[in-house]
Amino acid sequence: MEETYVDAVGVDTATTAKLITKKLKVMVAIDKSKNSFYALEWAVEHLKDVMSAEPETGQEGGLLTLVHVNPSGATDSVPELMKKAGVQSTNLFTPALELCRAKMVGDLRTCVKTETMILEGDPKEMICQAVEQTHTDLLVVGSRGLGMIKRAFLGSVSDYCVQHAQCPVLIVQPPRETSLTGK
């Protein structure tokens, strides 16, 4: 007689052990602030296992998308905006990608596909649109550390994303000693 073990949900554990879990598509919104880079660092450190490919089992990995939104500038011409956006975003993504590589270099089993996305417009709306269009599983954003009154007047990208994104949103607060309210 064969024994069958059932977990707390009532599922045969032998069957669930054979199931391949889906790797996550994670999007991290970054800007020039140290808080957004801390959110990226946190995501890479804590989520790399749920994003990385597993060649030994043939399981494809998830995806880490770094998104940056350049706010629209009504005073610049389109060619000037494109030139500025390209230079600024390149300067932003280079250290972000280096941070990703540095966090993953020690673990030879970690292989996370990473892409960058540059968008133009209102950051909070464009981030939510990107989440929806790319079918992202988790959005990670840093906290600017605005107080309640400033947040009410200036608005908060993270608050907006929590209310409107089509996926769970993780807001990463940096340790108190490294939290900066500016850029």
Protein backbone atom coordinates (compact mmCIF):
# COMPACT_ATOMS: atom_id res chain seq x y z
CA MET A 1 0.00 0.00 0.00
CA GLU A 2 1.40 3.40 -1.04
CA GLU A 3 1.43 6.26 1.45
CA THR A 4 0.29 9.71 0.40
CA TYR A 5 1.09 12.86 2.34
CA VAL A 6 -1.25 15.80 2.16
CA ASP A 7 -0.36 19.36 3.13
CA ALA A 8 -2.60 21.72 5.13
CA VAL A 9 -4.52 22.76 2.02
CA GLY A 10 -5.34 19.15 1.15
CA VAL A 11 -2.97 18.82 -1.80
CA ASP A 12 -0.80 15.75 -2.33
CA THR A 13 2.75 16.90 -1.47
CA ALA A 14 4.32 14.63 -4.10
CA THR A 15 2.31 16.41 -6.77
CA THR A 16 3.13 19.91 -5.54
CA ALA A 17 6.83 19.12 -5.34
CA LYS A 18 6.78 18.38 -9.07
CA LEU A 19 5.04 21.63 -9.98
CA ILE A 20 7.31 24.28 -11.42
CA THR A 21 6.71 27.58 -9.76
CA LYS A 22 6.48 30.61 -12.01
CA LYS A 23 9.35 33.06 -11.77
CA LEU A 24 8.33 36.65 -11.19
CA LYS A 25 8.46 39.70 -13.41
CA VAL A 26 9.59 42.49 -11.10
CA MET A 27 9.64 46.15 -12.07
CA VAL A 28 11.68 48.68 -10.08
CA ALA A 29 11.02 52.38 -10.64
CA ILE A 30 14.20 54.42 -10.35
CA ASP A 31 15.16 58.07 -10.50
CA LYS A 32 18.23 59.97 -9.34
CA SER A 33 17.39 59.64 -5.65
CA LYS A 34 19.36 57.48 -3.24
CA ASN A 35 16.07 56.07 -1.97
CA SER A 36 15.18 54.61 -5.38
CA PHE A 37 18.63 53.02 -5.63
CA TYR A 38 18.17 51.57 -2.16
CA ALA A 39 14.84 50.08 -3.34
CA LEU A 40 16.65 48.53 -6.32
CA GLU A 41 19.38 47.14 -4.07
CA TRP A 42 16.76 45.70 -1.70
CA ALA A 43 14.84 44.10 -4.57
CA VAL A 44 17.92 42.46 -6.05
CA GLU A 45 19.08 41.13 -2.68
CA HIS A 46 15.71 39.82 -1.53
CA LEU A 47 13.97 38.82 -4.75
CA LYS A 48 16.72 37.35 -6.92
CA ASP A 49 15.68 33.79 -6.06
CA VAL A 50 12.14 34.33 -7.34
CA MET A 51 13.44 35.91 -10.56
CA SER A 52 16.50 33.84 -11.45
CA ALA A 53 16.57 31.05 -14.01
CA GLU A 54 17.39 27.51 -12.94
CA PRO A 55 19.37 25.91 -15.78
CA GLU A 56 19.70 22.60 -13.93
CA THR A 57 15.91 22.14 -13.97
CA GLY A 58 15.35 23.89 -17.29
CA GLN A 59 13.18 26.53 -15.65
CA GLU A 60 13.20 29.91 -17.30
CA GLY A 61 13.82 32.90 -15.12
CA GLY A 62 11.67 35.90 -14.50
CA LEU A 63 12.55 39.42 -15.48
CA LEU A 64 13.84 42.49 -13.67
CA THR A 65 12.73 45.68 -15.40
CA LEU A 66 14.25 49.01 -14.42
CA VAL A 67 11.93 51.83 -15.40
CA HIS A 68 12.68 55.54 -15.42
CA VAL A 69 10.17 58.21 -16.38
CA ASN A 70 11.31 61.59 -17.63
CA PRO A 71 8.66 64.17 -16.76
CA SER A 72 7.40 65.97 -19.86
CA GLY A 73 8.91 69.42 -20.37
CA ALA A 74 6.61 71.72 -22.32
CA THR A 75 9.32 74.32 -22.99
CA ASP A 76 11.74 72.04 -24.88
CA SER A 77 11.37 70.92 -28.49
CA VAL A 78 10.93 67.20 -29.16
CA PRO A 79 14.53 66.66 -30.42
CA GLU A 80 15.90 68.50 -27.36
CA LEU A 81 13.72 66.38 -25.03
CA MET A 82 14.86 63.14 -26.70
CA LYS A 83 18.53 64.11 -26.45
CA LYS A 84 18.21 65.11 -22.77
CA ALA A 85 16.20 61.99 -21.92
CA GLY A 86 18.74 59.69 -23.56
CA VAL A 87 21.76 61.21 -21.81
CA GLN A 88 20.07 61.44 -18.40
CA SER A 89 18.69 57.92 -18.56
CA THR A 90 21.99 56.44 -19.73
CA ASN A 91 23.71 58.16 -16.81
CA LEU A 92 21.04 56.74 -14.51
CA PHE A 93 20.91 53.16 -15.82
CA THR A 94 24.67 52.59 -15.89
CA PRO A 95 25.10 52.68 -12.09
CA ALA A 96 21.78 50.84 -11.63
CA LEU A 97 22.89 47.95 -13.84
CA GLU A 98 26.30 47.90 -12.15
CA LEU A 99 24.54 47.61 -8.78
CA CYS A 100 22.52 44.64 -10.12
CA ARG A 101 25.64 42.88 -11.40
CA ALA A 102 27.52 43.48 -8.15
CA LYS A 103 24.70 42.00 -6.05
CA MET A 104 24.47 38.89 -8.24
CA VAL A 105 28.13 38.25 -8.96
CA GLY A 106 28.82 36.18 -5.84
CA ASP A 107 26.15 33.58 -6.58
CA LEU A 108 26.95 31.59 -9.72
CA ARG A 109 23.42 30.14 -9.71
CA THR A 110 21.84 33.57 -10.03
CA CYS A 111 20.94 34.49 -13.58
CA VAL A 112 18.34 37.26 -13.80
CA LYS A 113 17.39 38.75 -17.14
CA THR A 114 17.34 42.54 -16.80
CA GLU A 115 15.91 45.18 -19.10
CA THR A 116 15.63 48.95 -18.96
CA MET A 117 12.68 51.10 -19.94
CA ILE A 118 12.65 54.87 -20.48
CA LEU A 119 9.26 56.55 -20.56
CA GLU A 120 8.12 60.14 -20.98
CA GLY A 121 5.24 61.75 -19.09
CA ASP A 122 3.77 61.84 -15.61
CA PRO A 123 5.85 59.31 -13.60
CA LYS A 124 3.01 57.88 -11.53
CA GLU A 125 0.72 57.33 -14.53
CA MET A 126 3.47 56.03 -16.82
CA ILE A 127 4.72 53.53 -14.23
CA CYS A 128 1.21 52.13 -13.78
CA GLN A 129 0.76 51.89 -17.57
CA ALA A 130 4.09 50.08 -17.91
CA VAL A 131 3.07 47.60 -15.19
CA GLU A 132 -0.15 46.83 -17.03
CA GLN A 133 1.45 46.55 -20.49
CA THR A 134 4.29 44.27 -19.36
CA HIS A 135 2.14 42.09 -17.07
CA THR A 136 4.45 42.77 -14.14
CA ASP A 137 3.95 40.58 -11.04
CA LEU A 138 5.44 43.03 -8.50
CA LEU A 139 6.27 46.74 -8.60
CA VAL A 140 9.02 48.00 -6.28
CA VAL A 141 9.34 51.71 -5.52
CA GLY A 142 11.38 53.70 -3.06
CA SER A 143 9.88 56.05 -0.53
CA ARG A 144 10.72 59.75 -0.76
CA GLY A 145 9.96 60.22 2.90
CA LEU A 146 7.50 63.06 2.47
CA GLY A 147 5.46 64.02 5.49
CA MET A 148 1.68 63.80 5.41
CA ILE A 149 1.16 67.47 4.51
CA LYS A 150 3.78 67.59 1.73
CA ARG A 151 2.46 64.32 0.32
CA ALA A 152 -1.08 65.77 0.24
CA PHE A 153 0.06 68.84 -1.73
CA LEU A 154 2.81 67.37 -3.91
CA GLY A 155 1.38 63.91 -4.41
CA SER A 156 3.25 60.69 -4.03
CA VAL A 157 4.24 58.33 -6.82
CA SER A 158 4.22 55.38 -4.43
CA ASP A 159 0.75 56.26 -3.05
CA TYR A 160 -0.62 56.56 -6.57
CA CYS A 161 0.92 53.26 -7.64
CA VAL A 162 -0.51 51.46 -4.60
CA GLN A 163 -3.98 52.66 -5.62
CA HIS A 164 -3.74 52.21 -9.40
CA ALA A 165 -1.13 49.57 -10.35
CA GLN A 166 -2.46 46.24 -11.61
CA CYS A 167 -0.11 44.26 -9.36
CA PRO A 168 1.12 44.27 -5.76
CA VAL A 169 3.35 47.24 -4.90
CA LEU A 170 6.27 47.06 -2.48
CA ILE A 171 7.39 50.40 -1.05
CA VAL A 172 10.93 50.14 0.27
CA GLN A 173 11.84 52.50 3.08
CA PRO A 174 15.59 52.95 3.55
CA PRO A 175 17.12 52.68 7.00
CA ARG A 176 16.65 55.91 8.93
CA GLU A 177 20.33 56.85 8.80
CA THR A 178 20.42 56.70 4.95
CA SER A 179 16.97 58.12 4.21
CA LEU A 180 17.18 61.31 2.19
CA THR A 181 14.18 63.42 1.31
CA GLY A 182 16.02 65.10 -1.57
CA LYS A 183 17.95 63.79 -4.51
